[in-house]
Amino acid sequence: MKRDLKRLEKHFPGATVADLTGAQLAGYFEARQAALKTYNNRRGIVSTLLKFALQAGQFFGILPQRAVPVSTVLTLVPTRLAAMRVEPAA
């Protein structure tokens, strides 16, 4: 997470949390042709940072990451696992 926050700081040099917009964040999430999983991971880290800033009283306003859509990531479930039934513990 520390590495991702440093990357965020490098992408927006000198910017404060209040300076970030949804369009800017979308550009950061998509940087270097990121895969959908990477996009969502970056979005989650920035969301956590912004929520922390809001709770700490360092940011007042609308959270800009809400303007950025979440990407749907399809995961493959092996058929053998999907067919297994789990009985509740007695």
N, C-alpha and C. Protein backbone atom coordinates (compact mmCIF):
# COMPACT_ATOMS: atom_id res chain seq x y z
N MET A 1 0.83 -1.18 0.00
CA MET A 1 0.00 0.00 0.00
C MET A 1 0.88 1.25 0.00
N LYS A 2 1.98 1.19 0.72
CA LYS A 2 2.88 2.33 0.77
C LYS A 2 3.39 2.67 -0.63
N ARG A 3 3.71 1.64 -1.41
CA ARG A 3 4.20 1.85 -2.77
C ARG A 3 3.13 2.51 -3.63
N ASP A 4 1.88 2.08 -3.45
CA ASP A 4 0.79 2.67 -4.23
C ASP A 4 0.56 4.13 -3.86
N LEU A 5 0.69 4.46 -2.59
CA LEU A 5 0.52 5.85 -2.17
C LEU A 5 1.65 6.73 -2.69
N LYS A 6 2.87 6.18 -2.75
CA LYS A 6 3.97 6.93 -3.34
C LYS A 6 3.73 7.15 -4.83
N ARG A 7 3.18 6.15 -5.51
CA ARG A 7 2.85 6.29 -6.93
C ARG A 7 1.77 7.35 -7.13
N LEU A 8 0.80 7.39 -6.23
CA LEU A 8 -0.24 8.41 -6.29
C LEU A 8 0.36 9.80 -6.12
N GLU A 9 1.26 9.93 -5.16
CA GLU A 9 1.92 11.21 -4.91
C GLU A 9 2.75 11.64 -6.13
N LYS A 10 3.40 10.68 -6.77
CA LYS A 10 4.21 10.98 -7.96
C LYS A 10 3.32 11.38 -9.14
N HIS A 11 2.15 10.77 -9.24
CA HIS A 11 1.22 11.07 -10.33
C HIS A 11 0.60 12.46 -10.17
N PHE A 12 0.40 12.89 -8.91
CA PHE A 12 -0.19 14.20 -8.62
C PHE A 12 0.76 15.00 -7.73
N PRO A 13 1.90 15.45 -8.27
CA PRO A 13 2.87 16.16 -7.43
C PRO A 13 2.30 17.49 -6.91
N GLY A 14 2.42 17.67 -5.62
CA GLY A 14 1.98 18.92 -4.99
C GLY A 14 0.48 19.05 -4.80
N ALA A 15 -0.29 18.07 -5.20
CA ALA A 15 -1.75 18.15 -5.06
C ALA A 15 -2.18 17.73 -3.66
N THR A 16 -3.22 18.35 -3.17
CA THR A 16 -3.80 17.94 -1.90
C THR A 16 -5.02 17.06 -2.19
N VAL A 17 -5.56 16.46 -1.17
CA VAL A 17 -6.73 15.60 -1.34
C VAL A 17 -7.89 16.41 -1.92
N ALA A 18 -8.02 17.65 -1.50
CA ALA A 18 -9.11 18.50 -1.98
C ALA A 18 -8.97 18.85 -3.46
N ASP A 19 -7.75 18.75 -4.00
CA ASP A 19 -7.52 19.09 -5.41
C ASP A 19 -7.95 17.99 -6.36
N LEU A 20 -8.09 16.77 -5.88
CA LEU A 20 -8.38 15.63 -6.74
C LEU A 20 -9.82 15.63 -7.22
N THR A 21 -10.01 15.34 -8.50
CA THR A 21 -11.35 15.24 -9.07
C THR A 21 -11.58 13.81 -9.56
N GLY A 22 -12.82 13.46 -9.82
CA GLY A 22 -13.13 12.14 -10.33
C GLY A 22 -12.44 11.85 -11.65
N ALA A 23 -12.39 12.84 -12.55
CA ALA A 23 -11.75 12.65 -13.86
C ALA A 23 -10.24 12.43 -13.71
N GLN A 24 -9.62 13.16 -12.81
CA GLN A 24 -8.18 12.98 -12.57
C GLN A 24 -7.91 11.59 -12.00
N LEU A 25 -8.74 11.17 -11.06
CA LEU A 25 -8.54 9.86 -10.45
C LEU A 25 -8.76 8.75 -11.46
N ALA A 26 -9.73 8.90 -12.34
CA ALA A 26 -9.96 7.89 -13.38
C ALA A 26 -8.72 7.74 -14.25
N GLY A 27 -8.09 8.86 -14.59
CA GLY A 27 -6.85 8.81 -15.37
C GLY A 27 -5.74 8.09 -14.63
N TYR A 28 -5.67 8.31 -13.32
CA TYR A 28 -4.66 7.62 -12.51
C TYR A 28 -4.94 6.12 -12.45
N PHE A 29 -6.20 5.75 -12.27
CA PHE A 29 -6.55 4.33 -12.18
C PHE A 29 -6.25 3.59 -13.48
N GLU A 30 -6.42 4.27 -14.61
CA GLU A 30 -6.20 3.67 -15.92
C GLU A 30 -4.77 3.79 -16.42
N ALA A 31 -3.91 4.44 -15.65
CA ALA A 31 -2.52 4.70 -16.08
C ALA A 31 -1.81 3.40 -16.45
N ARG A 32 -1.00 3.48 -17.46
CA ARG A 32 -0.18 2.36 -17.96
C ARG A 32 -1.04 1.15 -18.33
N GLN A 33 -2.19 1.41 -18.90
CA GLN A 33 -3.09 0.36 -19.39
C GLN A 33 -3.33 -0.72 -18.32
N ALA A 34 -3.76 -0.27 -17.18
CA ALA A 34 -3.96 -1.17 -16.04
C ALA A 34 -5.07 -2.18 -16.32
N ALA A 35 -4.87 -3.40 -15.84
CA ALA A 35 -5.90 -4.42 -15.90
C ALA A 35 -7.06 -4.02 -14.98
N LEU A 36 -8.22 -4.64 -15.17
CA LEU A 36 -9.38 -4.29 -14.37
C LEU A 36 -9.13 -4.50 -12.87
N LYS A 37 -8.44 -5.56 -12.53
CA LYS A 37 -8.14 -5.84 -11.12
C LYS A 37 -7.25 -4.75 -10.53
N THR A 38 -6.25 -4.33 -11.30
CA THR A 38 -5.35 -3.26 -10.85
C THR A 38 -6.13 -1.96 -10.69
N TYR A 39 -7.01 -1.68 -11.65
CA TYR A 39 -7.87 -0.49 -11.60
C TYR A 39 -8.66 -0.49 -10.29
N ASN A 40 -9.30 -1.60 -9.98
CA ASN A 40 -10.10 -1.69 -8.76
C ASN A 40 -9.24 -1.60 -7.51
N ASN A 41 -8.05 -2.19 -7.54
CA ASN A 41 -7.14 -2.10 -6.39
C ASN A 41 -6.73 -0.66 -6.14
N ARG A 42 -6.37 0.04 -7.21
CA ARG A 42 -5.99 1.46 -7.07
C ARG A 42 -7.17 2.27 -6.54
N ARG A 43 -8.36 1.99 -7.06
CA ARG A 43 -9.55 2.71 -6.62
C ARG A 43 -9.80 2.46 -5.13
N GLY A 44 -9.62 1.23 -4.69
CA GLY A 44 -9.81 0.91 -3.28
C GLY A 44 -8.82 1.61 -2.37
N ILE A 45 -7.56 1.68 -2.79
CA ILE A 45 -6.54 2.34 -1.98
C ILE A 45 -6.83 3.83 -1.87
N VAL A 46 -7.17 4.45 -2.99
CA VAL A 46 -7.48 5.88 -2.96
C VAL A 46 -8.74 6.13 -2.15
N SER A 47 -9.72 5.25 -2.27
CA SER A 47 -10.95 5.38 -1.49
C SER A 47 -10.65 5.33 0.01
N THR A 48 -9.79 4.42 0.41
CA THR A 48 -9.39 4.31 1.81
C THR A 48 -8.69 5.57 2.28
N LEU A 49 -7.79 6.11 1.45
CA LEU A 49 -7.07 7.34 1.79
C LEU A 49 -8.05 8.50 1.97
N LEU A 50 -8.99 8.64 1.05
CA LEU A 50 -9.94 9.75 1.12
C LEU A 50 -10.88 9.61 2.30
N LYS A 51 -11.30 8.40 2.62
CA LYS A 51 -12.15 8.19 3.79
C LYS A 51 -11.39 8.52 5.07
N PHE A 52 -10.10 8.14 5.12
CA PHE A 52 -9.28 8.47 6.27
C PHE A 52 -9.16 9.98 6.44
N ALA A 53 -8.90 10.68 5.32
CA ALA A 53 -8.77 12.13 5.37
C ALA A 53 -10.07 12.78 5.84
N LEU A 54 -11.19 12.24 5.40
CA LEU A 54 -12.50 12.76 5.80
C LEU A 54 -12.71 12.56 7.30
N GLN A 55 -12.42 11.37 7.80
CA GLN A 55 -12.61 11.08 9.22
C GLN A 55 -11.64 11.85 10.10
N ALA A 56 -10.44 12.12 9.58
CA ALA A 56 -9.43 12.84 10.36
C ALA A 56 -9.67 14.35 10.33
N GLY A 57 -10.67 14.78 9.58
CA GLY A 57 -10.96 16.21 9.51
C GLY A 57 -10.04 16.97 8.58
N GLN A 58 -9.32 16.25 7.72
CA GLN A 58 -8.40 16.89 6.79
C GLN A 58 -9.04 17.18 5.44
N PHE A 59 -10.25 16.73 5.24
CA PHE A 59 -10.92 16.89 3.95
C PHE A 59 -12.40 17.13 4.20
N PHE A 60 -12.93 18.12 3.55
CA PHE A 60 -14.35 18.43 3.68
C PHE A 60 -14.92 18.54 2.27
N GLY A 61 -15.87 17.71 1.97
CA GLY A 61 -16.47 17.78 0.64
C GLY A 61 -16.96 16.42 0.20
N ILE A 62 -17.26 16.33 -1.08
CA ILE A 62 -17.75 15.10 -1.68
C ILE A 62 -16.55 14.25 -2.08
N LEU A 63 -16.60 12.97 -1.78
CA LEU A 63 -15.49 12.08 -2.13
C LEU A 63 -15.48 11.87 -3.64
N PRO A 64 -14.40 12.28 -4.33
CA PRO A 64 -14.37 12.23 -5.79
C PRO A 64 -14.34 10.82 -6.37
N GLN A 65 -13.88 9.81 -5.62
CA GLN A 65 -13.80 8.47 -6.19
C GLN A 65 -15.18 7.90 -6.45
N ARG A 66 -16.22 8.47 -5.85
CA ARG A 66 -17.59 8.00 -6.11
C ARG A 66 -18.03 8.31 -7.53
N ALA A 67 -17.36 9.27 -8.17
CA ALA A 67 -17.68 9.61 -9.56
C ALA A 67 -17.02 8.66 -10.54
N VAL A 68 -16.15 7.79 -10.04
CA VAL A 68 -15.42 6.85 -10.89
C VAL A 68 -16.08 5.48 -10.77
N PRO A 69 -16.48 4.89 -11.90
CA PRO A 69 -17.16 3.60 -11.83
C PRO A 69 -16.23 2.46 -11.40
N VAL A 70 -16.82 1.47 -10.77
CA VAL A 70 -16.09 0.27 -10.39
C VAL A 70 -16.11 -0.67 -11.59
N SER A 71 -14.96 -1.28 -11.90
CA SER A 71 -14.89 -2.22 -13.01
C SER A 71 -15.28 -3.61 -12.52
N THR A 72 -15.96 -4.34 -13.36
CA THR A 72 -16.37 -5.70 -13.04
C THR A 72 -15.26 -6.65 -13.45
N VAL A 73 -14.79 -7.44 -12.52
CA VAL A 73 -13.74 -8.42 -12.78
C VAL A 73 -14.36 -9.81 -12.69
N LEU A 74 -14.28 -10.54 -13.78
CA LEU A 74 -14.82 -11.90 -13.79
C LEU A 74 -13.79 -12.86 -13.24
N THR A 75 -14.21 -13.73 -12.37
CA THR A 75 -13.31 -14.75 -11.84
C THR A 75 -13.83 -16.12 -12.24
N LEU A 76 -12.93 -16.99 -12.50
CA LEU A 76 -13.30 -18.34 -12.89
C LEU A 76 -13.35 -19.22 -11.65
N VAL A 77 -14.41 -19.96 -11.51
CA VAL A 77 -14.57 -20.89 -10.40
C VAL A 77 -14.49 -22.30 -10.97
N PRO A 78 -13.55 -23.09 -10.49
CA PRO A 78 -13.48 -24.46 -11.00
C PRO A 78 -14.81 -25.18 -10.80
N THR A 79 -15.24 -25.94 -11.81
CA THR A 79 -16.55 -26.61 -11.73
C THR A 79 -16.61 -27.60 -10.59
N ARG A 80 -15.50 -28.21 -10.27
CA ARG A 80 -15.48 -29.17 -9.18
C ARG A 80 -15.83 -28.49 -7.87
N LEU A 81 -15.31 -27.28 -7.64
CA LEU A 81 -15.62 -26.56 -6.41
C LEU A 81 -17.05 -26.04 -6.43
N ALA A 82 -17.50 -25.59 -7.59
CA ALA A 82 -18.85 -25.04 -7.67
C ALA A 82 -19.90 -26.12 -7.42
N ALA A 83 -19.59 -27.36 -7.73
CA ALA A 83 -20.56 -28.44 -7.58
C ALA A 83 -20.58 -29.01 -6.16
N MET A 84 -19.62 -28.66 -5.34
CA MET A 84 -19.56 -29.19 -3.97
C MET A 84 -20.65 -28.56 -3.10
N ARG A 85 -21.27 -29.37 -2.28
CA ARG A 85 -22.24 -28.87 -1.33
C ARG A 85 -21.59 -28.83 0.04
N VAL A 86 -21.85 -27.78 0.75
CA VAL A 86 -21.32 -27.64 2.10
C VAL A 86 -22.49 -27.76 3.06
N GLU A 87 -22.41 -28.73 3.92
CA GLU A 87 -23.46 -28.94 4.91
C GLU A 87 -23.17 -28.09 6.13
N PRO A 88 -24.19 -27.48 6.70
CA PRO A 88 -23.98 -26.67 7.91
C PRO A 88 -23.52 -27.54 9.07
N ALA A 89 -22.67 -26.98 9.89
CA ALA A 89 -22.16 -27.69 11.06
C ALA A 89 -23.28 -27.88 12.07
N ALA A 90 -23.31 -29.06 12.70
CA ALA A 90 -24.37 -29.36 13.67
C ALA A 90 -24.05 -28.78 15.02
